[in-house]
């Protein structure tokens, strides 16, 4: 096996490991945010419109990290195709 083939296999393996790691990132070990007493009490005493605003705020805060993660996955996927063409 040539050095180039070894490097290609290594890069594919690295891409697979990184992809698997990125899939596991959104899995929380615990729900730490739910344990915050101040946040829980504030949310519990809110009226209907404030609760809707809180839910929308959570959604808005989730969009940028999701977009970054999807962008990284897309770039990795596109670049892995380029390396596969070199074989």
PDB file of N, CA and C in Angstrom:
ATOM      1  N   UNK A   1       0.852  -1.171   0.000  1.00  0.00           N
ATOM      2  CA  UNK A   1       0.000   0.000   0.000  1.00  0.00           C
ATOM      3  C   UNK A   1       0.900   1.238   0.000  1.00  0.00           C
ATOM      4  N   UNK A   2       0.609   2.172  -0.864  1.00  0.00           N
ATOM      5  CA  UNK A   2       1.436   3.367  -0.966  1.00  0.00           C
ATOM      6  C   UNK A   2       1.095   4.347   0.142  1.00  0.00           C
ATOM      7  N   UNK A   3       2.004   5.311   0.317  1.00  0.00           N
ATOM      8  CA  UNK A   3       1.762   6.333   1.333  1.00  0.00           C
ATOM      9  C   UNK A   3       0.524   7.156   1.010  1.00  0.00           C
ATOM     10  N   UNK A   4       0.293   7.377  -0.275  1.00  0.00           N
ATOM     11  CA  UNK A   4      -0.870   8.166  -0.687  1.00  0.00           C
ATOM     12  C   UNK A   4      -2.178   7.438  -0.349  1.00  0.00           C
ATOM     13  N   UNK A   5      -2.205   6.137  -0.578  1.00  0.00           N
ATOM     14  CA  UNK A   5      -3.392   5.345  -0.253  1.00  0.00           C
ATOM     15  C   UNK A   5      -3.630   5.321   1.249  1.00  0.00           C
ATOM     16  N   UNK A   6      -2.545   5.218   2.023  1.00  0.00           N
ATOM     17  CA  UNK A   6      -2.689   5.236   3.484  1.00  0.00           C
ATOM     18  C   UNK A   6      -3.253   6.576   3.945  1.00  0.00           C
ATOM     19  N   UNK A   7      -2.750   7.662   3.360  1.00  0.00           N
ATOM     20  CA  UNK A   7      -3.242   8.991   3.726  1.00  0.00           C
ATOM     21  C   UNK A   7      -4.703   9.171   3.360  1.00  0.00           C
ATOM     22  N   UNK A   8      -5.104   8.620   2.217  1.00  0.00           N
ATOM     23  CA  UNK A   8      -6.488   8.710   1.776  1.00  0.00           C
ATOM     24  C   UNK A   8      -7.407   7.933   2.724  1.00  0.00           C
ATOM     25  N   UNK A   9      -6.984   6.739   3.101  1.00  0.00           N
ATOM     26  CA  UNK A   9      -7.775   5.936   4.037  1.00  0.00           C
ATOM     27  C   UNK A   9      -7.863   6.624   5.390  1.00  0.00           C
ATOM     28  N   UNK A  10      -6.756   7.223   5.811  1.00  0.00           N
ATOM     29  CA  UNK A  10      -6.719   7.928   7.086  1.00  0.00           C
ATOM     30  C   UNK A  10      -7.662   9.120   7.065  1.00  0.00           C
ATOM     31  N   UNK A  11      -7.669   9.855   5.959  1.00  0.00           N
ATOM     32  CA  UNK A  11      -8.536  11.035   5.884  1.00  0.00           C
ATOM     33  C   UNK A  11     -10.007  10.631   5.863  1.00  0.00           C
ATOM     34  N   UNK A  12     -10.327   9.531   5.161  1.00  0.00           N
ATOM     35  CA  UNK A  12     -11.716   9.054   5.168  1.00  0.00           C
ATOM     36  C   UNK A  12     -12.134   8.607   6.556  1.00  0.00           C
ATOM     37  N   UNK A  13     -11.228   7.949   7.249  1.00  0.00           N
ATOM     38  CA  UNK A  13     -11.538   7.509   8.612  1.00  0.00           C
ATOM     39  C   UNK A  13     -11.742   8.705   9.526  1.00  0.00           C
ATOM     40  N   UNK A  14     -10.917   9.723   9.359  1.00  0.00           N
ATOM     41  CA  UNK A  14     -11.045  10.925  10.171  1.00  0.00           C
ATOM     42  C   UNK A  14     -12.375  11.615   9.906  1.00  0.00           C
ATOM     43  N   UNK A  15     -12.769  11.688   8.652  1.00  0.00           N
ATOM     44  CA  UNK A  15     -14.050  12.308   8.303  1.00  0.00           C
ATOM     45  C   UNK A  15     -15.191  11.531   8.940  1.00  0.00           C
ATOM     46  N   UNK A  16     -15.125  10.219   8.902  1.00  0.00           N
ATOM     47  CA  UNK A  16     -16.187   9.398   9.510  1.00  0.00           C
ATOM     48  C   UNK A  16     -16.250   9.598  11.021  1.00  0.00           C
ATOM     49  N   UNK A  17     -15.102   9.648  11.663  1.00  0.00           N
ATOM     50  CA  UNK A  17     -15.073   9.848  13.115  1.00  0.00           C
ATOM     51  C   UNK A  17     -15.623  11.230  13.468  1.00  0.00           C
ATOM     52  N   UNK A  18     -15.210  12.245  12.734  1.00  0.00           N
ATOM     53  CA  UNK A  18     -15.710  13.595  12.996  1.00  0.00           C
ATOM     54  C   UNK A  18     -17.210  13.682  12.761  1.00  0.00           C
ATOM     55  N   UNK A  19     -17.696  13.029  11.718  1.00  0.00           N
ATOM     56  CA  UNK A  19     -19.126  13.036  11.445  1.00  0.00           C
ATOM     57  C   UNK A  19     -19.893  12.352  12.573  1.00  0.00           C
ATOM     58  N   UNK A  20     -19.401  11.218  13.042  1.00  0.00           N
ATOM     59  CA  UNK A  20     -20.056  10.510  14.146  1.00  0.00           C
ATOM     60  C   UNK A  20     -20.038  11.365  15.410  1.00  0.00           C
ATOM     61  N   UNK A  21     -18.921  12.033  15.655  1.00  0.00           N
ATOM     62  CA  UNK A  21     -18.827  12.907  16.824  1.00  0.00           C
ATOM     63  C   UNK A  21     -19.836  14.047  16.727  1.00  0.00           C
ATOM     64  N   UNK A  22     -19.973  14.631  15.549  1.00  0.00           N
ATOM     65  CA  UNK A  22     -20.917  15.734  15.370  1.00  0.00           C
ATOM     66  C   UNK A  22     -22.358  15.271  15.542  1.00  0.00           C
ATOM     67  N   UNK A  23     -22.644  14.021  15.189  1.00  0.00           N
ATOM     68  CA  UNK A  23     -23.982  13.500  15.405  1.00  0.00           C
ATOM     69  C   UNK A  23     -24.291  13.330  16.889  1.00  0.00           C
ATOM     70  N   UNK A  24     -23.260  13.052  17.671  1.00  0.00           N
ATOM     71  CA  UNK A  24     -23.454  12.840  19.105  1.00  0.00           C
ATOM     72  C   UNK A  24     -23.456  14.136  19.909  1.00  0.00           C
ATOM     73  N   UNK A  25     -22.990  15.238  19.329  1.00  0.00           N
ATOM     74  CA  UNK A  25     -22.931  16.502  20.061  1.00  0.00           C
ATOM     75  C   UNK A  25     -24.275  16.968  20.605  1.00  0.00           C
ATOM     76  N   UNK A  26     -25.370  16.878  19.851  1.00  0.00           N
ATOM     77  CA  UNK A  26     -26.621  17.392  20.391  1.00  0.00           C
ATOM     78  C   UNK A  26     -27.235  16.547  21.505  1.00  0.00           C
ATOM     79  N   UNK A  27     -26.666  15.383  21.787  1.00  0.00           N
ATOM     80  CA  UNK A  27     -27.211  14.516  22.826  1.00  0.00           C
ATOM     81  C   UNK A  27     -26.702  15.007  24.180  1.00  0.00           C
ATOM     82  N   UNK A  28     -27.575  15.570  25.004  1.00  0.00           N
ATOM     83  CA  UNK A  28     -27.117  16.084  26.301  1.00  0.00           C
ATOM     84  C   UNK A  28     -26.897  14.960  27.315  1.00  0.00           C
ATOM     85  N   UNK A  29     -25.897  15.131  28.140  1.00  0.00           N
ATOM     86  CA  UNK A  29     -25.654  14.160  29.206  1.00  0.00           C
ATOM     87  C   UNK A  29     -26.748  14.282  30.266  1.00  0.00           C
ATOM     88  N   UNK A  30     -27.089  15.505  30.590  1.00  0.00           N
ATOM     89  CA  UNK A  30     -28.183  15.772  31.522  1.00  0.00           C
ATOM     90  C   UNK A  30     -28.899  17.027  31.060  1.00  0.00           C
ATOM     91  N   UNK A  31     -30.061  17.235  31.571  1.00  0.00           N
ATOM     92  CA  UNK A  31     -30.793  18.462  31.257  1.00  0.00           C
ATOM     93  C   UNK A  31     -30.440  19.509  32.299  1.00  0.00           C
ATOM     94  N   UNK A  32     -29.237  20.048  32.215  1.00  0.00           N
ATOM     95  CA  UNK A  32     -28.744  20.989  33.214  1.00  0.00           C
ATOM     96  C   UNK A  32     -29.568  22.266  33.250  1.00  0.00           C
ATOM     97  N   UNK A  33     -30.064  22.719  32.103  1.00  0.00           N
ATOM     98  CA  UNK A  33     -30.836  23.961  32.077  1.00  0.00           C
ATOM     99  C   UNK A  33     -32.146  23.811  32.845  1.00  0.00           C
ATOM    100  N   UNK A  34     -32.688  22.613  32.899  1.00  0.00           N
ATOM    101  CA  UNK A  34     -33.934  22.395  33.626  1.00  0.00           C
ATOM    102  C   UNK A  34     -33.716  22.414  35.134  1.00  0.00           C
ATOM    103  N   UNK A  35     -32.478  22.306  35.566  1.00  0.00           N
ATOM    104  CA  UNK A  35     -32.192  22.302  36.986  1.00  0.00           C
ATOM    105  C   UNK A  35     -31.965  23.686  37.571  1.00  0.00           C
ATOM    106  N   UNK A  36     -31.936  24.716  36.729  1.00  0.00           N
ATOM    107  CA  UNK A  36     -31.718  26.075  37.205  1.00  0.00           C
ATOM    108  C   UNK A  36     -32.978  26.564  37.917  1.00  0.00           C
ATOM    109  N   UNK A  37     -32.941  26.753  39.227  1.00  0.00           N
ATOM    110  CA  UNK A  37     -34.144  27.146  39.966  1.00  0.00           C
ATOM    111  C   UNK A  37     -34.710  28.490  39.526  1.00  0.00           C
ATOM    112  N   UNK A  38     -33.850  29.456  39.269  1.00  0.00           N
ATOM    113  CA  UNK A  38     -34.341  30.777  38.885  1.00  0.00           C
ATOM    114  C   UNK A  38     -35.061  30.718  37.532  1.00  0.00           C
ATOM    115  N   UNK A  39     -34.487  29.994  36.579  1.00  0.00           N
ATOM    116  CA  UNK A  39     -35.118  29.877  35.262  1.00  0.00           C
ATOM    117  C   UNK A  39     -36.452  29.139  35.364  1.00  0.00           C
ATOM    118  N   UNK A  40     -36.463  28.063  36.127  1.00  0.00           N
ATOM    119  CA  UNK A  40     -37.682  27.277  36.266  1.00  0.00           C
ATOM    120  C   UNK A  40     -38.784  28.086  36.942  1.00  0.00           C
ATOM    121  N   UNK A  41     -38.453  28.800  37.999  1.00  0.00           N
ATOM    122  CA  UNK A  41     -39.453  29.605  38.712  1.00  0.00           C
ATOM    123  C   UNK A  41     -39.966  30.766  37.853  1.00  0.00           C
ATOM    124  N   UNK A  42     -39.074  31.411  37.124  1.00  0.00           N
ATOM    125  CA  UNK A  42     -39.482  32.514  36.263  1.00  0.00           C
ATOM    126  C   UNK A  42     -40.422  32.029  35.180  1.00  0.00           C
ATOM    127  N   UNK A  43     -40.104  30.904  34.567  1.00  0.00           N
ATOM    128  CA  UNK A  43     -40.955  30.352  33.514  1.00  0.00           C
ATOM    129  C   UNK A  43     -42.294  29.884  34.077  1.00  0.00           C
ATOM    130  N   UNK A  44     -42.297  29.360  35.296  1.00  0.00           N
ATOM    131  CA  UNK A  44     -43.528  28.849  35.888  1.00  0.00           C
ATOM    132  C   UNK A  44     -44.533  29.965  36.185  1.00  0.00           C
ATOM    133  N   UNK A  45     -44.049  31.162  36.495  1.00  0.00           N
ATOM    134  CA  UNK A  45     -44.949  32.251  36.860  1.00  0.00           C
ATOM    135  C   UNK A  45     -45.319  33.157  35.683  1.00  0.00           C
ATOM    136  N   UNK A  46     -44.903  32.816  34.491  1.00  0.00           N
ATOM    137  CA  UNK A  46     -45.221  33.633  33.325  1.00  0.00           C
ATOM    138  C   UNK A  46     -46.650  33.370  32.864  1.00  0.00           C
ATOM    139  N   UNK A  47     -47.238  34.391  32.259  1.00  0.00           N
ATOM    140  CA  UNK A  47     -48.573  34.251  31.666  1.00  0.00           C
ATOM    141  C   UNK A  47     -48.422  33.751  30.235  1.00  0.00           C
ATOM    142  N   UNK A  48     -49.515  33.496  29.558  1.00  0.00           N
ATOM    143  CA  UNK A  48     -49.532  32.885  28.226  1.00  0.00           C
ATOM    144  C   UNK A  48     -48.639  33.542  27.202  1.00  0.00           C
ATOM    145  N   UNK A  49     -48.737  34.876  27.054  1.00  0.00           N
ATOM    146  CA  UNK A  49     -47.949  35.551  26.018  1.00  0.00           C
ATOM    147  C   UNK A  49     -46.448  35.499  26.330  1.00  0.00           C
ATOM    148  N   UNK A  50     -46.098  35.604  27.581  1.00  0.00           N
ATOM    149  CA  UNK A  50     -44.688  35.551  27.965  1.00  0.00           C
ATOM    150  C   UNK A  50     -44.120  34.150  27.727  1.00  0.00           C
ATOM    151  N   UNK A  51     -44.910  33.131  27.967  1.00  0.00           N
ATOM    152  CA  UNK A  51     -44.459  31.760  27.724  1.00  0.00           C
ATOM    153  C   UNK A  51     -44.220  31.550  26.230  1.00  0.00           C
ATOM    154  N   UNK A  52     -45.112  32.087  25.394  1.00  0.00           N
ATOM    155  CA  UNK A  52     -44.909  31.976  23.943  1.00  0.00           C
ATOM    156  C   UNK A  52     -43.631  32.685  23.518  1.00  0.00           C
ATOM    157  N   UNK A  53     -43.388  33.853  24.102  1.00  0.00           N
ATOM    158  CA  UNK A  53     -42.160  34.589  23.781  1.00  0.00           C
ATOM    159  C   UNK A  53     -40.924  33.811  24.224  1.00  0.00           C
ATOM    160  N   UNK A  54     -40.991  33.183  25.374  1.00  0.00           N
ATOM    161  CA  UNK A  54     -39.880  32.382  25.868  1.00  0.00           C
ATOM    162  C   UNK A  54     -39.599  31.198  24.939  1.00  0.00           C
ATOM    163  N   UNK A  55     -40.651  30.539  24.481  1.00  0.00           N
ATOM    164  CA  UNK A  55     -40.491  29.414  23.555  1.00  0.00           C
ATOM    165  C   UNK A  55     -39.890  29.875  22.230  1.00  0.00           C
ATOM    166  N   UNK A  56     -40.336  31.027  21.727  1.00  0.00           N
ATOM    167  CA  UNK A  56     -39.764  31.564  20.483  1.00  0.00           C
ATOM    168  C   UNK A  56     -38.300  31.942  20.681  1.00  0.00           C
ATOM    169  N   UNK A  57     -37.980  32.500  21.831  1.00  0.00           N
ATOM    170  CA  UNK A  57     -36.594  32.865  22.114  1.00  0.00           C
ATOM    171  C   UNK A  57     -35.674  31.658  22.124  1.00  0.00           C
ATOM    172  N   UNK A  58     -36.138  30.577  22.698  1.00  0.00           N
ATOM    173  CA  UNK A  58     -35.354  29.343  22.713  1.00  0.00           C
ATOM    174  C   UNK A  58     -35.123  28.858  21.289  1.00  0.00           C
ATOM    175  N   UNK A  59     -36.155  28.922  20.458  1.00  0.00           N
ATOM    176  CA  UNK A  59     -36.018  28.502  19.064  1.00  0.00           C
ATOM    177  C   UNK A  59     -35.032  29.390  18.310  1.00  0.00           C
ATOM    178  N   UNK A  60     -35.129  30.698  18.515  1.00  0.00           N
ATOM    179  CA  UNK A  60     -34.222  31.631  17.838  1.00  0.00           C
ATOM    180  C   UNK A  60     -32.776  31.387  18.269  1.00  0.00           C
ATOM    181  N   UNK A  61     -32.555  31.098  19.538  1.00  0.00           N
ATOM    182  CA  UNK A  61     -31.201  30.834  20.021  1.00  0.00           C
ATOM    183  C   UNK A  61     -30.645  29.492  19.514  1.00  0.00           C
ATOM    184  N   UNK A  62     -31.516  28.583  19.107  1.00  0.00           N
ATOM    185  CA  UNK A  62     -31.061  27.288  18.612  1.00  0.00           C
ATOM    186  C   UNK A  62     -30.677  27.328  17.138  1.00  0.00           C
ATOM    187  N   UNK A  63     -31.149  28.320  16.396  1.00  0.00           N
ATOM    188  CA  UNK A  63     -30.916  28.362  14.948  1.00  0.00           C
ATOM    189  C   UNK A  63     -29.436  28.552  14.588  1.00  0.00           C
ATOM    190  N   UNK A  64     -28.694  29.529  15.140  1.00  0.00           N
ATOM    191  CA  UNK A  64     -27.291  29.703  14.717  1.00  0.00           C
ATOM    192  C   UNK A  64     -26.393  28.485  14.943  1.00  0.00           C
ATOM    193  N   UNK A  65     -26.404  27.832  16.121  1.00  0.00           N
ATOM    194  CA  UNK A  65     -25.533  26.657  16.256  1.00  0.00           C
ATOM    195  C   UNK A  65     -25.928  25.515  15.323  1.00  0.00           C
ATOM    196  N   UNK A  66     -27.218  25.376  15.061  1.00  0.00           N
ATOM    197  CA  UNK A  66     -27.670  24.346  14.140  1.00  0.00           C
ATOM    198  C   UNK A  66     -27.165  24.640  12.727  1.00  0.00           C
ATOM    199  N   UNK A  67     -27.243  25.905  12.325  1.00  0.00           N
ATOM    200  CA  UNK A  67     -26.765  26.293  10.996  1.00  0.00           C
ATOM    201  C   UNK A  67     -25.259  26.069  10.860  1.00  0.00           C
ATOM    202  N   UNK A  68     -24.503  26.385  11.894  1.00  0.00           N
ATOM    203  CA  UNK A  68     -23.051  26.173  11.857  1.00  0.00           C
ATOM    204  C   UNK A  68     -22.742  24.685  11.749  1.00  0.00           C
ATOM    205  N   UNK A  69     -23.407  23.863  12.533  1.00  0.00           N
ATOM    206  CA  UNK A  69     -23.160  22.421  12.501  1.00  0.00           C
ATOM    207  C   UNK A  69     -23.510  21.841  11.133  1.00  0.00           C
ATOM    208  N   UNK A  70     -24.648  22.251  10.572  1.00  0.00           N
ATOM    209  CA  UNK A  70     -25.024  21.760   9.252  1.00  0.00           C
ATOM    210  C   UNK A  70     -24.046  22.232   8.183  1.00  0.00           C
ATOM    211  N   UNK A  71     -23.550  23.454   8.316  1.00  0.00           N
ATOM    212  CA  UNK A  71     -22.554  23.971   7.380  1.00  0.00           C
ATOM    213  C   UNK A  71     -21.263  23.170   7.429  1.00  0.00           C
ATOM    214  N   UNK A  72     -20.809  22.839   8.628  1.00  0.00           N
ATOM    215  CA  UNK A  72     -19.600  22.029   8.772  1.00  0.00           C
ATOM    216  C   UNK A  72     -19.781  20.628   8.196  1.00  0.00           C
ATOM    217  N   UNK A  73     -20.940  20.054   8.422  1.00  0.00           N
ATOM    218  CA  UNK A  73     -21.226  18.729   7.857  1.00  0.00           C
ATOM    219  C   UNK A  73     -21.217  18.805   6.332  1.00  0.00           C
ATOM    220  N   UNK A  74     -21.826  19.826   5.773  1.00  0.00           N
ATOM    221  CA  UNK A  74     -21.886  19.988   4.318  1.00  0.00           C
ATOM    222  C   UNK A  74     -20.484  20.155   3.726  1.00  0.00           C
ATOM    223  N   UNK A  75     -19.668  21.021   4.345  1.00  0.00           N
ATOM    224  CA  UNK A  75     -18.306  21.244   3.842  1.00  0.00           C
ATOM    225  C   UNK A  75     -17.487  19.957   3.925  1.00  0.00           C
ATOM    226  N   UNK A  76     -17.606  19.231   5.026  1.00  0.00           N
ATOM    227  CA  UNK A  76     -16.887  17.970   5.182  1.00  0.00           C
ATOM    228  C   UNK A  76     -17.320  16.966   4.125  1.00  0.00           C
ATOM    229  N   UNK A  77     -18.612  16.893   3.868  1.00  0.00           N
ATOM    230  CA  UNK A  77     -19.143  15.971   2.874  1.00  0.00           C
ATOM    231  C   UNK A  77     -18.630  16.328   1.479  1.00  0.00           C
ATOM    232  N   UNK A  78     -18.644  17.609   1.139  1.00  0.00           N
ATOM    233  CA  UNK A  78     -18.168  18.041  -0.178  1.00  0.00           C
ATOM    234  C   UNK A  78     -16.669  17.766  -0.343  1.00  0.00           C
ATOM    235  N   UNK A  79     -15.909  18.019   0.682  1.00  0.00           N
ATOM    236  CA  UNK A  79     -14.461  17.799   0.597  1.00  0.00           C
ATOM    237  C   UNK A  79     -14.120  16.319   0.567  1.00  0.00           C
ATOM    238  N   UNK A  80     -14.928  15.479   1.198  1.00  0.00           N
ATOM    239  CA  UNK A  80     -14.649  14.045   1.155  1.00  0.00           C
ATOM    240  C   UNK A  80     -14.847  13.513  -0.257  1.00  0.00           C
ATOM    241  N   UNK A  81     -15.781  14.079  -1.010  1.00  0.00           N
ATOM    242  CA  UNK A  81     -15.961  13.694  -2.409  1.00  0.00           C
ATOM    243  C   UNK A  81     -14.733  14.050  -3.229  1.00  0.00           C
ATOM    244  N   UNK A  82     -14.131  15.185  -2.935  1.00  0.00           N
ATOM    245  CA  UNK A  82     -12.949  15.616  -3.675  1.00  0.00           C
ATOM    246  C   UNK A  82     -11.781  14.664  -3.431  1.00  0.00           C
ATOM    247  N   UNK A  83     -11.620  14.188  -2.196  1.00  0.00           N
ATOM    248  CA  UNK A  83     -10.543  13.256  -1.892  1.00  0.00           C
ATOM    249  C   UNK A  83     -10.812  11.891  -2.518  1.00  0.00           C
ATOM    250  N   UNK A  84     -12.060  11.495  -2.610  1.00  0.00           N
ATOM    251  CA  UNK A  84     -12.401  10.205  -3.202  1.00  0.00           C
ATOM    252  C   UNK A  84     -12.069  10.200  -4.696  1.00  0.00           C
ATOM    253  N   UNK A  85     -12.146  11.351  -5.361  1.00  0.00           N
ATOM    254  CA  UNK A  85     -11.855  11.448  -6.783  1.00  0.00           C
ATOM    255  C   UNK A  85     -10.367  11.280  -7.062  1.00  0.00           C
ATOM    256  N   UNK A  86      -9.499  11.515  -6.052  1.00  0.00           N
ATOM    257  CA  UNK A  86      -8.057  11.405  -6.224  1.00  0.00           C
ATOM    258  C   UNK A  86      -7.571   9.954  -6.272  1.00  0.00           C
ATOM    259  N   UNK A  87      -8.399   9.024  -5.843  1.00  0.00           N
ATOM    260  CA  UNK A  87      -7.966   7.611  -5.782  1.00  0.00           C
ATOM    261  C   UNK A  87      -7.694   7.048  -7.122  1.00  0.00           C
TER     262      UNK A  87
END
